[in-house]
N, C-alpha and C. Protein backbone atom coordinates (compact mmCIF):
# COMPACT_ATOMS: atom_id res chain seq x y z
N MET A 1 -9.96 -19.30 7.88
CA MET A 1 -9.26 -18.04 7.99
C MET A 1 -7.84 -18.34 8.41
N LEU A 2 -6.88 -17.66 7.82
CA LEU A 2 -5.48 -17.80 8.15
C LEU A 2 -5.01 -16.51 8.79
N LEU A 3 -4.38 -16.63 9.92
CA LEU A 3 -3.90 -15.44 10.62
C LEU A 3 -2.40 -15.34 10.41
N GLY A 4 -1.97 -14.20 9.91
CA GLY A 4 -0.55 -13.96 9.69
C GLY A 4 -0.08 -12.81 10.54
N GLY A 5 1.19 -12.55 10.48
CA GLY A 5 1.76 -11.44 11.23
C GLY A 5 1.26 -10.11 10.67
N GLY A 6 0.17 -9.61 11.19
CA GLY A 6 -0.35 -8.33 10.74
C GLY A 6 -1.41 -8.43 9.65
N ARG A 7 -1.52 -9.56 8.99
CA ARG A 7 -2.52 -9.73 7.92
C ARG A 7 -3.34 -10.98 8.21
N GLN A 8 -4.59 -10.91 7.85
CA GLN A 8 -5.47 -12.06 7.92
C GLN A 8 -5.95 -12.38 6.52
N TYR A 9 -6.12 -13.67 6.24
CA TYR A 9 -6.55 -14.11 4.93
C TYR A 9 -7.72 -15.07 5.08
N LEU A 10 -8.56 -15.08 4.08
CA LEU A 10 -9.68 -15.99 4.03
C LEU A 10 -9.51 -16.89 2.82
N VAL A 11 -9.51 -18.19 3.06
CA VAL A 11 -9.49 -19.16 1.97
C VAL A 11 -10.95 -19.49 1.69
N ALA A 12 -11.39 -19.24 0.46
CA ALA A 12 -12.80 -19.44 0.15
C ALA A 12 -12.97 -19.75 -1.34
N PHE A 13 -14.12 -20.29 -1.66
CA PHE A 13 -14.46 -20.56 -3.05
C PHE A 13 -14.92 -19.27 -3.70
N SER A 14 -14.35 -18.97 -4.85
CA SER A 14 -14.74 -17.79 -5.61
C SER A 14 -15.70 -18.22 -6.71
N GLU A 15 -16.92 -17.72 -6.65
CA GLU A 15 -17.87 -18.03 -7.72
C GLU A 15 -17.38 -17.47 -9.05
N TYR A 16 -16.73 -16.31 -9.02
CA TYR A 16 -16.22 -15.68 -10.23
C TYR A 16 -15.16 -16.57 -10.89
N ALA A 17 -14.21 -17.06 -10.10
CA ALA A 17 -13.11 -17.87 -10.64
C ALA A 17 -13.46 -19.34 -10.72
N GLN A 18 -14.54 -19.74 -10.04
CA GLN A 18 -14.92 -21.14 -9.95
C GLN A 18 -13.77 -22.00 -9.42
N ASP A 19 -13.10 -21.46 -8.38
CA ASP A 19 -11.97 -22.15 -7.78
C ASP A 19 -11.72 -21.57 -6.40
N VAL A 20 -10.86 -22.22 -5.63
CA VAL A 20 -10.48 -21.73 -4.31
C VAL A 20 -9.51 -20.57 -4.50
N ARG A 21 -9.72 -19.51 -3.73
CA ARG A 21 -8.87 -18.32 -3.79
C ARG A 21 -8.53 -17.88 -2.37
N LEU A 22 -7.47 -17.11 -2.25
CA LEU A 22 -7.05 -16.53 -0.99
C LEU A 22 -7.36 -15.04 -1.04
N PHE A 23 -8.13 -14.57 -0.07
CA PHE A 23 -8.54 -13.17 -0.03
C PHE A 23 -7.89 -12.49 1.17
N ALA A 24 -7.21 -11.37 0.93
CA ALA A 24 -6.64 -10.58 2.02
C ALA A 24 -7.77 -9.83 2.70
N LEU A 25 -7.82 -9.93 4.01
CA LEU A 25 -8.85 -9.23 4.77
C LEU A 25 -8.23 -7.97 5.37
N ALA A 26 -8.67 -6.84 4.90
CA ALA A 26 -8.14 -5.57 5.40
C ALA A 26 -9.21 -4.51 5.26
N GLY A 27 -9.29 -3.66 6.24
CA GLY A 27 -10.18 -2.51 6.17
C GLY A 27 -11.66 -2.81 6.40
N PHE A 28 -11.99 -3.97 6.93
CA PHE A 28 -13.38 -4.29 7.19
C PHE A 28 -13.84 -3.62 8.47
N GLU A 29 -15.04 -3.07 8.43
CA GLU A 29 -15.62 -2.48 9.62
C GLU A 29 -16.55 -3.45 10.33
N ARG A 30 -17.18 -4.35 9.55
CA ARG A 30 -18.04 -5.37 10.15
C ARG A 30 -18.23 -6.50 9.15
N ILE A 31 -18.66 -7.64 9.66
CA ILE A 31 -18.97 -8.78 8.80
C ILE A 31 -20.33 -9.33 9.20
N GLU A 32 -20.96 -10.05 8.30
CA GLU A 32 -22.24 -10.68 8.58
C GLU A 32 -22.20 -12.12 8.10
N LEU A 33 -22.78 -13.00 8.88
CA LEU A 33 -22.89 -14.40 8.50
C LEU A 33 -24.06 -14.57 7.53
N THR A 34 -23.88 -15.47 6.58
CA THR A 34 -24.97 -15.80 5.67
C THR A 34 -25.26 -17.29 5.78
N GLU A 35 -26.23 -17.74 5.06
CA GLU A 35 -26.58 -19.15 5.06
C GLU A 35 -25.72 -19.95 4.08
N LYS A 36 -24.93 -19.26 3.25
CA LYS A 36 -24.08 -19.95 2.28
C LYS A 36 -22.96 -20.69 3.00
N VAL A 37 -22.63 -21.86 2.48
CA VAL A 37 -21.54 -22.65 3.06
C VAL A 37 -20.51 -22.97 1.99
N PHE A 38 -19.33 -23.28 2.43
CA PHE A 38 -18.23 -23.63 1.54
C PHE A 38 -17.83 -25.06 1.85
N GLU A 39 -17.90 -25.92 0.87
CA GLU A 39 -17.46 -27.30 1.02
C GLU A 39 -16.06 -27.41 0.42
N ARG A 40 -15.11 -27.87 1.21
CA ARG A 40 -13.76 -28.04 0.71
C ARG A 40 -13.77 -29.07 -0.43
N PRO A 41 -13.14 -28.73 -1.56
CA PRO A 41 -13.10 -29.69 -2.67
C PRO A 41 -12.40 -30.98 -2.25
N GLU A 42 -12.85 -32.08 -2.76
CA GLU A 42 -12.27 -33.37 -2.44
C GLU A 42 -10.79 -33.37 -2.83
N GLY A 43 -9.94 -33.81 -1.94
CA GLY A 43 -8.51 -33.86 -2.21
C GLY A 43 -7.78 -32.55 -1.97
N PHE A 44 -8.50 -31.50 -1.56
CA PHE A 44 -7.87 -30.20 -1.31
C PHE A 44 -7.02 -30.27 -0.05
N ASP A 45 -5.76 -29.89 -0.14
CA ASP A 45 -4.85 -29.85 1.01
C ASP A 45 -4.37 -28.41 1.19
N LEU A 46 -4.75 -27.80 2.29
CA LEU A 46 -4.45 -26.38 2.51
C LEU A 46 -2.94 -26.13 2.54
N GLN A 47 -2.18 -26.99 3.20
CA GLN A 47 -0.73 -26.78 3.28
C GLN A 47 -0.09 -26.80 1.89
N THR A 48 -0.46 -27.75 1.07
CA THR A 48 0.08 -27.84 -0.29
C THR A 48 -0.35 -26.62 -1.11
N TRP A 49 -1.58 -26.23 -0.98
CA TRP A 49 -2.12 -25.08 -1.72
C TRP A 49 -1.38 -23.80 -1.31
N MET A 50 -1.13 -23.63 0.00
CA MET A 50 -0.47 -22.43 0.49
C MET A 50 0.99 -22.35 0.03
N GLN A 51 1.62 -23.46 -0.22
CA GLN A 51 3.01 -23.44 -0.69
C GLN A 51 3.13 -22.79 -2.06
N ARG A 52 2.04 -22.71 -2.78
CA ARG A 52 2.04 -22.06 -4.10
C ARG A 52 1.49 -20.64 -4.04
N SER A 53 1.24 -20.14 -2.83
CA SER A 53 0.67 -18.81 -2.68
C SER A 53 1.75 -17.76 -2.56
N PHE A 54 1.56 -16.68 -3.26
CA PHE A 54 2.41 -15.49 -3.14
C PHE A 54 1.45 -14.36 -2.83
N GLY A 55 1.39 -13.99 -1.54
CA GLY A 55 0.34 -13.05 -1.14
C GLY A 55 -0.99 -13.73 -1.36
N ILE A 56 -1.84 -13.15 -2.18
CA ILE A 56 -3.14 -13.74 -2.45
C ILE A 56 -3.17 -14.47 -3.79
N TRP A 57 -2.03 -14.57 -4.47
CA TRP A 57 -1.99 -15.21 -5.78
C TRP A 57 -1.40 -16.60 -5.72
N GLN A 58 -1.80 -17.44 -6.63
CA GLN A 58 -1.27 -18.79 -6.79
C GLN A 58 -0.39 -18.82 -8.03
N GLU A 59 0.82 -19.31 -7.89
CA GLU A 59 1.72 -19.39 -9.03
C GLU A 59 2.83 -20.38 -8.72
N ASP A 60 3.69 -20.63 -9.70
CA ASP A 60 4.84 -21.48 -9.49
C ASP A 60 5.78 -20.84 -8.48
N VAL A 61 6.55 -21.66 -7.79
CA VAL A 61 7.46 -21.18 -6.76
C VAL A 61 8.75 -20.66 -7.40
N TYR A 62 9.20 -19.48 -6.94
CA TYR A 62 10.44 -18.87 -7.38
C TYR A 62 11.24 -18.45 -6.16
N ASP A 63 12.56 -18.49 -6.27
CA ASP A 63 13.42 -17.94 -5.22
C ASP A 63 13.57 -16.45 -5.47
N ILE A 64 13.11 -15.66 -4.52
CA ILE A 64 13.12 -14.20 -4.66
C ILE A 64 13.69 -13.60 -3.38
N VAL A 65 14.52 -12.58 -3.52
CA VAL A 65 15.04 -11.85 -2.36
C VAL A 65 14.67 -10.39 -2.55
N TRP A 66 14.03 -9.83 -1.52
CA TRP A 66 13.67 -8.43 -1.54
C TRP A 66 14.40 -7.72 -0.42
N ARG A 67 14.82 -6.51 -0.69
CA ARG A 67 15.39 -5.68 0.36
C ARG A 67 14.59 -4.39 0.44
N PHE A 68 14.00 -4.16 1.60
CA PHE A 68 13.18 -2.98 1.83
C PHE A 68 14.01 -1.93 2.57
N THR A 69 13.88 -0.69 2.15
CA THR A 69 14.60 0.41 2.79
C THR A 69 14.19 0.51 4.26
N PRO A 70 15.02 1.18 5.08
CA PRO A 70 14.63 1.37 6.48
C PRO A 70 13.25 2.03 6.62
N GLU A 71 12.93 2.94 5.69
CA GLU A 71 11.63 3.64 5.75
C GLU A 71 10.45 2.69 5.45
N ALA A 72 10.69 1.67 4.64
CA ALA A 72 9.62 0.74 4.25
C ALA A 72 9.61 -0.54 5.08
N ALA A 73 10.65 -0.76 5.87
CA ALA A 73 10.80 -2.02 6.59
C ALA A 73 9.63 -2.32 7.54
N ALA A 74 9.17 -1.34 8.28
CA ALA A 74 8.07 -1.58 9.23
C ALA A 74 6.81 -2.04 8.50
N ASP A 75 6.49 -1.42 7.38
CA ASP A 75 5.31 -1.83 6.61
C ASP A 75 5.50 -3.22 6.02
N ALA A 76 6.69 -3.51 5.52
CA ALA A 76 6.96 -4.81 4.90
C ALA A 76 6.82 -5.94 5.90
N ARG A 77 7.17 -5.69 7.17
CA ARG A 77 7.04 -6.72 8.21
C ARG A 77 5.60 -7.15 8.42
N LEU A 78 4.63 -6.37 8.01
CA LEU A 78 3.22 -6.69 8.21
C LEU A 78 2.70 -7.70 7.20
N TYR A 79 3.46 -7.99 6.15
CA TYR A 79 2.97 -8.82 5.06
C TYR A 79 3.55 -10.23 5.10
N LEU A 80 2.71 -11.16 4.80
CA LEU A 80 3.15 -12.53 4.54
C LEU A 80 3.13 -12.68 3.03
N PHE A 81 4.29 -12.54 2.41
CA PHE A 81 4.39 -12.66 0.97
C PHE A 81 4.37 -14.12 0.53
N TYR A 82 4.97 -14.97 1.37
CA TYR A 82 5.08 -16.38 1.04
C TYR A 82 5.15 -17.17 2.34
N PRO A 83 4.48 -18.33 2.43
CA PRO A 83 4.39 -19.05 3.70
C PRO A 83 5.72 -19.42 4.35
N THR A 84 6.76 -19.62 3.57
CA THR A 84 8.05 -20.02 4.14
C THR A 84 9.08 -18.89 4.09
N GLN A 85 8.61 -17.65 3.97
CA GLN A 85 9.54 -16.53 3.87
C GLN A 85 10.38 -16.39 5.14
N VAL A 86 11.56 -15.81 4.97
CA VAL A 86 12.46 -15.52 6.09
C VAL A 86 12.73 -14.03 6.06
N MET A 87 12.58 -13.39 7.21
CA MET A 87 12.85 -11.95 7.30
C MET A 87 14.12 -11.74 8.12
N THR A 88 15.00 -10.86 7.61
CA THR A 88 16.25 -10.54 8.30
C THR A 88 16.37 -9.03 8.44
N ASP A 89 16.47 -8.57 9.67
CA ASP A 89 16.72 -7.15 9.93
C ASP A 89 18.19 -6.86 9.67
N GLU A 90 18.46 -5.89 8.83
CA GLU A 90 19.83 -5.54 8.46
C GLU A 90 20.34 -4.44 9.38
N PRO A 91 21.67 -4.35 9.56
CA PRO A 91 22.25 -3.34 10.47
C PRO A 91 21.85 -1.90 10.15
N ASP A 92 21.57 -1.60 8.89
CA ASP A 92 21.20 -0.23 8.51
C ASP A 92 19.72 0.06 8.69
N GLY A 93 18.96 -0.91 9.26
CA GLY A 93 17.53 -0.73 9.47
C GLY A 93 16.66 -1.23 8.34
N SER A 94 17.29 -1.65 7.25
CA SER A 94 16.51 -2.21 6.15
C SER A 94 16.09 -3.64 6.49
N LEU A 95 15.26 -4.21 5.67
CA LEU A 95 14.73 -5.56 5.89
C LEU A 95 14.92 -6.38 4.62
N THR A 96 15.48 -7.57 4.77
CA THR A 96 15.61 -8.49 3.66
C THR A 96 14.59 -9.60 3.86
N VAL A 97 13.80 -9.87 2.82
CA VAL A 97 12.80 -10.93 2.84
C VAL A 97 13.18 -11.92 1.76
């Protein structure tokens, strides 16, 4: 499990995708343990894998700049869009990510 500023994520094997995926954990009321286990694939490096993550998706790395309005800034601060993102509070109350 990865804990972010306001968001939690679960790195797990997806039977549907037959690959490791990142799942955003939100809105859960309870969880239950099962007997199923997850074996990390040989050679899997979480840090390297996370560098290609954009939210819960895996893709090539791009330089992106977002500016959120003052009204959306508080909500945007809750998200980890990219592991190395930088957030800057602007004088007008907006947020640049």
